[in-house]
Protein backbone atom coordinates (compact mmCIF):
# COMPACT_ATOMS: atom_id res chain seq x y z
CA MET A 1 -38.81 174.19 172.03
CA GLU A 2 -42.53 174.30 172.96
CA ALA A 3 -41.95 171.88 175.82
CA PHE A 4 -39.08 174.03 177.08
CA VAL A 5 -41.25 177.18 177.02
CA ALA A 6 -44.09 175.36 178.78
CA TYR A 7 -41.69 174.16 181.45
CA CYS A 8 -40.39 177.69 182.00
CA HIS A 9 -43.98 179.01 182.16
CA ASP A 10 -44.82 176.49 184.88
CA LEU A 11 -41.87 177.80 186.86
CA ASP A 12 -43.17 181.32 186.35
CA LEU A 13 -39.99 182.32 184.48
CA LEU A 14 -41.74 183.99 181.57
CA SER A 15 -43.21 186.93 183.37
CA SER A 16 -42.44 189.34 180.53
CA PRO A 17 -41.96 189.31 176.73
CA LYS A 18 -38.33 190.25 177.30
CA ASP A 19 -37.78 187.09 179.36
CA LYS A 20 -39.47 184.98 176.71
CA CYS A 21 -37.26 186.42 174.00
CA LEU A 22 -34.08 185.90 176.04
CA ILE A 23 -34.83 182.27 176.85
CA ALA A 24 -35.93 181.49 173.30
CA THR A 25 -32.73 183.02 171.92
CA THR A 26 -30.57 181.12 174.41
CA ALA A 27 -32.30 177.84 173.61
CA THR A 28 -31.92 178.39 169.87
CA ILE A 29 -28.20 179.17 170.14
CA SER A 30 -27.67 176.14 172.38
CA ALA A 31 -29.48 173.88 169.93
CA LEU A 32 -27.48 175.21 166.97
CA CYS A 33 -24.17 174.83 168.81
CA GLY A 34 -25.05 171.31 169.91
CA SER A 35 -26.05 170.35 166.38
CA PHE A 36 -22.83 171.80 164.97
CA PHE A 37 -20.55 169.91 167.37
CA LEU A 38 -22.55 166.71 166.84
CA TRP A 39 -22.17 167.10 163.08
CA LYS A 40 -18.42 167.69 163.44
CA LYS A 41 -18.05 164.62 165.64
CA LEU A 42 -19.99 162.43 163.24
CA LYS A 43 -18.06 163.84 160.27
CA ASN A 44 -14.67 163.25 161.88
CA ASN A 45 -15.52 159.80 163.19
CA LYS A 46 -17.34 158.39 160.19
CA LYS A 47 -15.91 155.13 158.90
CA LEU A 48 -14.80 154.87 155.33
CA ASP A 49 -16.52 152.41 153.06
CA ILE A 50 -14.24 149.39 152.95
CA HIS A 51 -12.45 149.11 149.62
CA MET A 52 -9.88 146.36 149.25
CA ASP A 53 -8.53 144.42 146.30
CA GLY A 54 -5.56 142.31 145.33
CA VAL A 55 -4.26 138.78 145.38
CA VAL A 56 -2.36 136.50 147.75
CA SER A 57 -0.72 133.14 147.27
CA PRO A 58 -2.09 130.20 149.31
CA GLY A 59 -0.40 130.24 152.70
CA PHE A 60 -0.27 134.06 152.88
CA GLU A 61 -3.94 134.71 153.69
CA LYS A 62 -3.04 136.08 157.14
CA VAL A 63 -1.51 139.12 155.46
CA ALA A 64 -4.81 139.78 153.69
CA ASP A 65 -6.65 139.43 157.01
CA ALA A 66 -4.33 141.98 158.64
CA PHE A 67 -4.72 144.41 155.74
CA ARG A 68 -8.52 144.12 155.84
CA LYS A 69 -8.54 144.69 159.59
CA ASN A 70 -6.55 147.91 159.14
CA LEU A 71 -9.21 149.16 156.72
CA GLU A 72 -12.11 148.07 158.93
CA THR A 73 -10.73 149.79 162.03
CA GLY A 74 -10.06 152.97 160.07
CA TRP A 75 -6.32 152.98 160.79
CA GLU A 76 -5.64 152.55 157.09
CA LYS A 77 -7.21 155.10 154.76
CA GLY A 78 -5.12 154.35 151.71
CA GLY A 79 -2.27 151.89 151.34
CA ASN A 80 -0.55 149.19 149.31
CA PHE A 81 1.38 146.16 150.63
CA SER A 82 3.25 143.62 148.51
CA ALA A 83 5.76 140.84 149.10
CA TYR A 84 8.00 138.53 147.09
CA TYR A 85 9.19 135.13 148.31
CA ASN A 86 11.90 133.14 146.53
CA GLY A 87 11.78 135.82 143.84
CA ASN A 88 8.06 135.32 143.20
CA LEU A 89 5.07 137.49 144.02
CA VAL A 90 3.09 136.12 146.98
CA VAL A 91 1.17 139.18 148.24
CA ASP A 92 -0.21 142.20 146.40
CA LEU A 93 -2.88 144.17 148.26
CA TRP A 94 -4.28 147.66 147.90
CA GLY A 95 -7.19 149.44 149.50
CA GLY A 96 -8.73 152.64 150.78
CA PHE A 97 -8.61 155.94 148.96
CA ALA A 98 -6.16 157.44 146.54
CA ASP A 99 -7.85 160.74 147.35
CA GLU A 100 -10.45 160.75 150.12
CA GLU A 101 -11.73 164.23 149.30
CA SER A 102 -12.80 163.23 145.80
CA LEU A 103 -13.60 159.61 146.83
CA LYS A 104 -11.01 158.39 144.34
CA LEU A 105 -10.24 154.76 145.19
CA ARG A 106 -6.85 153.11 145.19
CA ARG A 107 -6.37 150.84 142.22
CA GLU A 108 -3.84 148.29 141.09
CA ASP A 109 -1.81 150.94 139.26
CA SER A 110 -2.19 153.75 141.83
CA THR A 111 1.18 155.33 142.59
CA SER A 112 2.51 156.64 145.90
CA LEU A 113 5.56 158.65 146.87
CA ALA A 114 8.18 156.62 148.69
CA PHE A 115 10.00 159.66 150.13
CA SER A 116 13.29 158.42 151.68
CA ALA A 117 12.57 154.80 150.77
CA THR A 118 13.82 156.06 147.38
CA LYS A 119 17.35 156.01 148.82
CA GLY A 120 17.39 152.22 148.89
CA VAL A 121 16.72 152.17 145.15
CA VAL A 122 19.60 154.61 144.66
CA ALA A 123 21.87 152.33 146.70
CA ILE A 124 20.99 149.50 144.29
CA CYS A 125 21.94 151.73 141.34
CA MET A 126 25.30 152.54 142.91
CA ALA A 127 25.94 148.84 143.59
CA HIS A 128 25.07 148.12 139.96
CA LEU A 129 27.73 150.62 138.85
CA VAL A 130 30.26 149.09 141.25
CA GLU A 131 29.62 145.60 139.91
CA ARG A 132 30.18 146.82 136.36
CA GLY A 133 33.50 148.35 137.35
CA TYR A 134 32.50 151.97 136.78
CA LEU A 135 32.63 152.84 140.47
CA ASP A 136 34.67 151.66 143.45
CA TYR A 137 33.37 151.96 147.01
CA LYS A 138 36.91 152.32 148.38
CA LYS A 139 38.05 155.10 146.07
CA THR A 140 37.59 158.75 146.91
CA VAL A 141 34.72 160.74 145.48
CA ALA A 142 37.32 163.18 144.14
CA THR A 143 38.70 160.37 141.95
CA TYR A 144 35.59 160.78 139.82
CA TRP A 145 34.71 164.39 140.66
CA SER A 146 37.79 166.56 141.20
CA GLU A 147 35.86 169.67 142.32
CA PHE A 148 34.50 167.71 145.28
CA ALA A 149 37.93 167.72 146.95
CA GLN A 150 37.65 171.33 148.21
CA ASN A 151 37.04 172.31 151.85
CA GLY A 152 38.56 169.19 153.40
CA LYS A 153 36.68 166.56 151.42
CA GLU A 154 39.61 165.16 149.45
CA ASN A 155 39.80 161.91 151.48
CA ILE A 156 36.09 161.10 151.51
CA THR A 157 35.45 157.73 149.90
CA VAL A 158 32.37 156.66 147.98
CA GLU A 159 31.29 154.27 150.75
CA MET A 160 31.71 157.01 153.37
CA LEU A 161 29.38 159.21 151.35
CA LEU A 162 26.83 156.41 150.87
CA SER A 163 26.88 155.49 154.58
CA HIS A 164 26.22 159.11 155.67
CA GLN A 165 29.62 159.48 157.36
CA VAL A 166 30.38 162.83 155.73
CA ASP A 167 28.39 165.10 157.98
CA GLY A 168 27.99 168.71 157.17
CA LEU A 169 26.88 167.55 153.73
CA TYR A 170 23.39 166.70 154.97
CA PHE A 171 22.20 170.21 154.15
CA ILE A 172 23.10 172.77 151.50
CA SER A 173 24.21 176.29 152.31
CA GLY A 174 24.23 178.84 149.54
CA GLY A 175 20.69 179.01 148.20
CA PHE A 176 19.53 175.57 147.09
CA ASP A 177 16.19 175.35 145.31
CA PHE A 178 14.45 172.05 144.52
CA SER A 179 13.93 173.08 140.90
CA MET A 180 17.72 173.20 140.33
CA ILE A 181 17.72 169.42 139.93
CA MET A 182 16.16 169.80 136.50
CA ASP A 183 16.74 173.43 135.60
CA ASP A 184 20.25 174.37 136.75
CA ASN A 185 22.54 171.40 137.32
CA GLU A 186 25.64 173.54 136.77
CA LYS A 187 24.81 175.71 139.79
CA LEU A 188 23.73 172.70 141.83
CA GLU A 189 26.95 170.77 141.27
CA ARG A 190 28.95 173.86 142.23
CA LEU A 191 26.97 174.25 145.47
CA LEU A 192 27.41 170.58 146.33
CA ALA A 193 31.16 170.66 145.67
CA GLU A 194 31.61 173.74 147.87
CA GLN A 195 29.98 172.29 150.99
CA LYS A 196 32.16 171.86 154.07
CA PRO A 197 31.91 168.90 156.51
CA MET A 198 30.96 169.77 160.09
CA TRP A 199 33.19 167.07 161.58
CA LYS A 200 36.05 164.84 160.46
CA PRO A 201 34.66 162.49 157.80
CA GLY A 202 34.45 158.87 158.91
CA THR A 203 34.30 159.56 162.65
CA LYS A 204 30.50 159.84 162.96
CA HIS A 205 27.48 159.49 160.76
CA GLY A 206 24.55 161.84 160.23
CA TYR A 207 21.57 161.24 158.00
CA HIS A 208 21.73 163.08 154.64
CA ALA A 209 17.97 163.44 154.24
CA MET A 210 18.01 165.60 151.11
CA THR A 211 21.58 165.57 149.80
CA PHE A 212 22.13 161.80 149.54
CA GLY A 213 20.43 161.49 146.16
CA LEU A 214 21.92 164.75 144.89
CA TYR A 215 25.51 163.63 145.47
CA CYS A 216 24.79 160.19 144.01
CA ASP A 217 23.37 161.82 140.88
CA GLN A 218 26.56 163.83 140.40
CA LEU A 219 28.64 160.66 140.69
CA VAL A 220 26.51 158.75 138.19
CA ARG A 221 26.78 161.59 135.65
CA ARG A 222 30.57 161.26 135.82
CA VAL A 223 31.15 157.50 135.94
CA ASP A 224 28.47 156.25 133.55
CA PRO A 225 30.02 155.90 130.06
CA LYS A 226 26.82 157.34 128.55
CA ARG A 227 26.85 160.29 131.01
CA ARG A 228 23.28 159.63 132.05
CA THR A 229 21.61 161.07 135.12
CA LEU A 230 20.87 158.88 138.11
CA TRP A 231 17.21 158.51 137.15
CA GLU A 232 18.03 157.82 133.50
CA TYR A 233 20.51 155.13 134.51
CA TYR A 234 17.96 153.52 136.82
CA GLU A 235 15.21 153.54 134.19
CA GLU A 236 17.35 152.12 131.39
CA GLU A 237 19.46 149.62 133.32
CA ILE A 238 17.10 148.41 136.06
CA ALA A 239 13.46 149.52 135.91
CA ILE A 240 12.75 148.70 132.25
CA PRO A 241 14.81 145.46 131.93
CA PHE A 242 13.34 144.04 135.14
CA ASP A 243 9.84 145.50 134.67
CA ILE A 244 9.88 147.43 137.95
CA GLU A 245 6.83 149.61 138.58
CA PHE A 246 8.82 152.22 140.43
CA THR A 247 10.50 155.33 139.09
CA MET A 248 12.26 158.42 140.45
CA GLN A 249 9.77 160.94 139.11
CA GLU A 250 6.04 161.10 138.48
CA LYS A 251 5.66 161.77 134.77
CA LEU A 252 3.09 164.49 134.08
CA GLU A 253 1.18 162.24 131.70
CA ASN A 254 0.87 159.61 134.46
CA PHE A 255 -0.33 161.92 137.20
CA TYR A 256 -3.87 160.56 136.94
CA LYS A 257 -2.54 157.47 138.77
CA ALA A 258 -1.11 159.51 141.64
CA CYS A 259 -2.41 159.23 145.18
CA ARG A 260 -2.98 162.47 147.04
CA HIS A 261 -0.76 162.64 150.11
CA GLY A 262 -1.91 163.94 153.47
CA ARG A 263 -1.36 163.36 157.16
CA ALA A 264 -2.95 160.39 158.86
CA ASN A 265 -5.40 161.31 161.62
CA PHE A 266 -5.44 158.67 164.34
CA GLY A 267 -7.70 160.65 166.68
CA TRP A 268 -7.29 162.62 169.90
CA GLY A 269 -6.81 159.53 172.03
CA PHE A 270 -3.81 158.40 170.03
CA THR A 271 -2.40 161.93 169.95
CA LEU A 272 -2.74 162.36 173.70
CA PHE A 273 -1.56 158.97 174.89
CA ARG A 274 0.93 157.96 172.19
CA THR A 275 2.12 160.87 170.08
CA LEU A 276 2.57 163.45 172.84
CA PRO A 277 4.66 161.17 175.11
CA VAL A 278 6.81 160.16 172.12
CA MET A 279 7.43 163.78 171.16
CA LEU A 280 8.23 164.78 174.74
CA GLY A 281 10.64 161.86 175.03
CA TYR A 282 12.35 162.85 171.78
CA CYS A 283 12.67 166.46 172.95
CA PHE A 284 14.43 165.25 176.10
CA THR A 285 16.71 163.10 173.92
CA LEU A 286 17.66 166.18 171.87
CA LEU A 287 18.21 168.19 175.04
CA TRP A 288 20.49 165.52 176.49
CA TYR A 289 22.40 165.35 173.20
CA TYR A 290 22.82 169.14 173.30
CA ILE A 291 24.14 168.99 176.86
CA GLN A 292 26.69 166.35 175.82
CA ASN A 293 27.76 167.83 172.48
CA GLY A 294 27.00 171.55 172.69
CA LYS A 295 24.98 171.61 169.46
CA ILE A 296 22.07 169.99 167.67
CA TYR A 297 22.86 169.23 164.03
CA MET A 298 19.25 168.40 163.24
CA ARG A 299 18.22 172.06 163.27
CA ASN A 300 19.94 172.56 159.91
CA LEU A 301 17.53 170.14 158.27
CA PHE A 302 14.68 172.59 158.69
CA GLY A 303 14.25 175.85 156.88
CA ASN A 304 17.08 175.06 154.49
CA VAL A 305 15.28 173.38 151.63
CA ARG A 306 12.13 174.88 150.18
CA ASP A 307 9.25 172.98 148.65
CA LEU A 308 9.38 170.19 151.23
CA ASP A 309 5.98 170.72 152.84
CA TYR A 310 4.10 167.48 152.25
CA LYS A 311 1.24 169.40 150.60
CA ARG A 312 3.60 170.59 147.87
CA PHE A 313 4.16 166.98 146.82
CA ASN A 314 0.59 166.95 145.52
CA ASP A 315 1.72 169.42 142.86
CA PRO A 316 2.39 167.42 139.66
CA TYR A 317 5.28 169.72 138.75
CA ILE A 318 7.00 169.04 142.09
CA ARG A 319 6.51 165.30 141.71
CA ASN A 320 7.97 165.53 138.24
CA ILE A 321 11.34 166.65 139.68
CA PRO A 322 13.55 163.53 139.93
CA CYS A 323 15.37 163.52 143.27
CA GLY A 324 17.09 160.35 144.42
CA SER A 325 16.54 161.32 148.04
CA SER A 326 12.78 161.56 148.10
CA SER A 327 10.97 161.57 144.75
CA GLY A 328 10.63 157.84 144.13
CA VAL A 329 7.11 156.94 143.08
CA GLY A 330 5.33 153.76 142.12
CA THR A 331 3.56 150.75 143.54
CA ALA A 332 4.50 148.63 146.53
CA ARG A 333 4.57 145.75 144.06
CA GLY A 334 7.39 147.44 142.15
CA LEU A 335 9.43 148.28 145.24
CA ALA A 336 8.89 144.81 146.73
CA LYS A 337 10.03 143.24 143.47
CA LEU A 338 13.40 144.99 143.72
CA TYR A 339 13.93 143.77 147.27
CA GLY A 340 12.58 140.36 146.38
CA ILE A 341 15.35 140.07 143.79
CA LEU A 342 17.99 141.04 146.37
CA ALA A 343 16.58 138.52 148.85
CA ASN A 344 16.75 135.86 146.13
CA GLN A 345 20.52 136.31 145.67
CA GLY A 346 20.03 138.81 142.86
CA LEU A 347 17.96 136.50 140.66
CA LEU A 348 14.61 137.39 139.10
CA PRO A 349 13.01 134.03 138.18
CA ASP A 350 11.20 133.63 134.89
CA SER A 351 8.09 132.90 136.96
CA SER A 352 8.25 136.11 138.99
CA ASN A 353 5.07 137.62 137.54
CA ASP A 354 3.04 134.61 138.70
CA LEU A 355 1.97 134.10 142.28
CA LEU A 356 4.07 131.41 143.94
CA THR A 357 2.11 128.36 145.10
CA PHE A 358 2.96 125.55 147.49
CA SER A 359 1.97 121.92 147.77
CA LYS A 360 0.05 120.82 150.85
CA ASP A 361 3.04 119.12 152.44
CA GLN A 362 4.93 122.44 152.41
CA LEU A 363 2.27 124.18 154.50
CA SER A 364 0.98 123.72 158.02
CA ASP A 365 -2.05 125.22 159.75
CA VAL A 366 -3.04 127.27 156.72
CA GLU A 367 -6.08 129.45 157.43
CA ILE A 368 -8.11 130.40 154.37
CA ALA A 369 -9.29 134.00 154.42
CA GLU A 370 -13.03 134.25 153.76
CA ASN A 371 -14.35 136.36 150.88
CA PHE A 372 -10.89 136.98 149.48
CA VAL A 373 -9.54 136.15 146.06
CA VAL A 374 -6.69 133.63 145.99
CA ASN A 375 -4.96 133.51 142.62
CA LEU A 376 -3.73 130.03 141.71
CA HIS A 377 -0.88 129.44 139.27
CA ARG A 378 1.07 126.35 138.43
CA PRO A 379 4.39 126.33 140.32
CA GLN A 380 7.38 127.01 138.10
CA ASP A 381 11.05 126.32 138.48
CA GLY A 382 12.74 129.50 139.79
CA SER A 383 16.28 128.43 138.91
CA SER A 384 16.38 130.40 135.64
CA GLY A 385 15.90 134.10 135.10
CA LYS A 386 17.74 137.41 135.00
CA ILE A 387 20.49 138.55 137.36
CA LEU A 388 20.33 142.07 138.80
CA LEU A 389 23.30 141.83 141.17
CA LYS A 390 25.72 139.07 142.14
CA PRO A 391 25.45 137.62 145.67
CA GLU A 392 28.83 139.10 146.65
CA THR A 393 27.62 142.59 145.66
CA ILE A 394 24.44 142.11 147.70
CA ASN A 395 26.63 141.10 150.65
CA LEU A 396 28.36 144.47 150.37
CA LEU A 397 24.96 146.21 150.44
CA SER A 398 23.98 144.36 153.61
CA GLU A 399 27.20 145.11 155.52
CA GLN A 400 26.83 147.57 158.39
CA LEU A 401 29.42 150.37 158.32
CA THR A 402 28.30 152.84 160.98
CA GLU A 403 27.65 152.95 164.67
CA GLU A 404 24.03 152.69 165.68
CA ARG A 405 23.38 156.27 166.81
CA ASP A 406 22.87 158.85 164.09
CA HIS A 407 24.14 162.30 165.10
CA VAL A 408 21.63 164.28 163.03
CA ILE A 409 18.43 162.38 163.77
CA VAL A 410 19.79 161.41 167.23
CA ALA A 411 18.31 157.93 167.04
CA LYS A 412 19.30 154.36 166.24
CA LEU A 413 19.96 154.39 162.51
CA PRO A 414 22.80 152.07 161.42
CA PHE A 415 23.81 152.28 157.75
CA GLY A 416 25.65 150.26 155.16
CA ARG A 417 26.49 151.38 151.63
CA GLY A 418 23.30 153.36 151.13
CA MET A 419 21.04 150.88 152.94
CA MET A 420 19.68 150.84 156.47
CA VAL A 421 21.06 147.63 157.96
CA ASP A 422 19.85 145.85 161.11
CA PHE A 423 21.42 142.58 162.26
CA ASN A 424 18.95 142.25 165.14
CA TYR A 425 15.73 143.33 163.48
CA ARG A 426 12.82 143.45 165.93
CA ASN A 427 15.23 141.93 168.49
CA LYS A 428 14.98 138.55 166.75
CA LYS A 429 18.52 138.20 165.36
CA ARG A 430 17.34 138.73 161.79
CA LEU A 431 19.47 140.46 159.16
CA VAL A 432 17.15 142.88 157.40
CA PHE A 433 18.21 145.69 155.10
CA GLY A 434 16.55 148.23 152.84
CA HIS A 435 15.23 151.71 153.46
CA MET A 436 12.28 153.43 155.07
CA GLY A 437 10.74 156.81 154.34
CA ALA A 438 8.71 159.59 155.90
CA GLY A 439 5.19 158.74 156.96
CA CYS A 440 5.85 154.95 156.98
CA GLN A 441 7.03 154.11 153.49
CA VAL A 442 8.92 150.81 153.65
CA GLY A 443 11.10 148.71 151.35
CA LEU A 444 12.99 145.85 153.05
CA CYS A 445 14.32 142.34 152.55
CA ASP A 446 15.39 139.37 154.64
CA PRO A 447 17.99 137.38 152.65
CA LYS A 448 17.90 134.36 154.98
CA LEU A 449 14.19 133.80 154.40
CA LYS A 450 14.37 135.12 150.82
CA ILE A 451 11.55 137.61 151.29
CA GLY A 452 11.33 141.19 150.05
CA TRP A 453 8.40 143.44 150.86
CA ALA A 454 7.15 147.00 150.59
CA TYR A 455 4.43 149.15 152.09
CA LEU A 456 3.36 152.52 150.70
CA THR A 457 0.67 154.79 152.11
CA ASN A 458 -0.57 158.20 151.04
CA TYR A 459 -1.76 158.96 154.59
CA ALA A 460 1.54 159.65 156.26
CA ASN A 461 2.23 159.21 159.96
CA PRO A 462 4.46 162.24 160.66
CA PHE A 463 5.89 160.59 163.79
CA TYR A 464 6.89 157.33 162.11
CA GLY A 465 10.40 156.44 163.14
CA LEU A 466 10.20 158.19 166.51
CA ASP A 467 7.65 155.74 167.90
CA ASN A 468 8.37 152.03 168.24
CA VAL A 469 4.94 150.99 166.96
CA GLU A 470 3.18 151.69 163.66
CA MET A 471 -0.33 150.29 164.00
CA ARG A 472 -0.88 149.94 160.24
CA TYR A 473 2.42 148.51 159.02
CA ASP A 474 3.54 146.34 161.94
CA PRO A 475 0.63 143.82 161.77
CA LEU A 476 1.31 143.34 158.04
CA GLU A 477 4.98 142.58 158.57
CA LYS A 478 4.19 140.29 161.50
CA ALA A 479 1.64 138.36 159.44
CA LEU A 480 4.11 138.04 156.55
CA TYR A 481 6.78 136.50 158.78
CA GLU A 482 4.25 134.13 160.33
CA CYS A 483 3.24 132.94 156.88
CA VAL A 484 6.83 132.38 155.74
CA GLU A 485 7.75 130.63 158.98
CA ASN A 486 4.72 128.39 158.48
CA ILE A 487 6.26 126.90 155.34
CA LYS A 488 8.09 123.87 156.67
CA ASP A 489 11.06 123.96 154.30
CA TYR A 490 12.01 127.48 155.42
CA LYS A 491 10.92 127.53 159.05
CA ILE A 492 13.25 129.49 161.37
CA MET A 493 15.07 127.21 163.80
């Protein structure tokens, strides 16, 4: 400041006290503003302290490298990635924050919301009921729920409902409230039964973002001999017997494990050069669809269901509401275990809780990750264990039933019996099925390579699914495939 005043004096600019006061005030304000913007920039751009933990099996170190890189670059602020191979755990990684504001770190038992990735778990429940003979994909929903037949829904089959071919049922008219799931099932089932399809069932498909789990719950209540709810059936028949760390509601007493969900901030550069073009392109897609069809069905997804703002999902009482469409919560390890079982022809080996290891002649060009824990266990025979689903039932889950374009989301979204199914995944002729969720929650499996994997993050990318690239998840999946392909006995031809 003194140097500035001296400079002005030399230029004969301080001829009066009034001039001195004006310049001093201007300089002070400029300095304060500059300091404020510098502080904001440093605050927004500061790198998080790197926190990473977990285990990988020898031969899968590249996945750990990719996960660490995500944390080091700042793309990942809080996530969990796990994978099963041949029914055994090979990758289990977690890092970043469970809650950045309170500096709460992610831990081995930290739980994340899976949002729509929950639907894949529901599809497994429905397949479980089919295999036991309580439910038939080919029979009409009205066979089990007579009230459903009203308003032109009498010919809708179970598999049509599960594959999102019953459009007009993707939203609820008549005053739906999220709390009805627990507090007023009688009113909820009446509302669901009264809904009217917006086009002839079976001719198109449109994503049932919220209602998928609600309709499945009503079916389970009617076909299960014990008359359990969807979430009760899942807990008692699948989660507990197979030790799956994934449930359909966050119990209040377990909320201390919960990760706080927020939006991922990838910076102005990413927003300007990636997000904005993607959004503009999607708007043009919707406009073109409107020109062709005279309506946009997607608009009914918004403003219909309350309590869906992502911030509300940090409320323990909201997370405690069990909804098969979006309320699944747990670890990536738990979700990956489910898909690992499916990829292993429905078998959970007795050795599944140990990390799978390989002999040297099964591996080629293995790169050891520095400063990372590799857990070694004696290989065990995976031929014995528990069966979740028979191979023929899993084949039904992986069968594609719909055309590629979804008429609600207006994007490529082919479905099977509750699962997203892609026979040309990543344009590499791979059959991959499972389900993804808002913000980049992923649960998938590749039955040919016998791998199942999951990724959960509490820093959601709101444009995931519209863009073709997810800078956090994609490198992890790529590294996983490279590791599996590097095992000679299972190398892709």
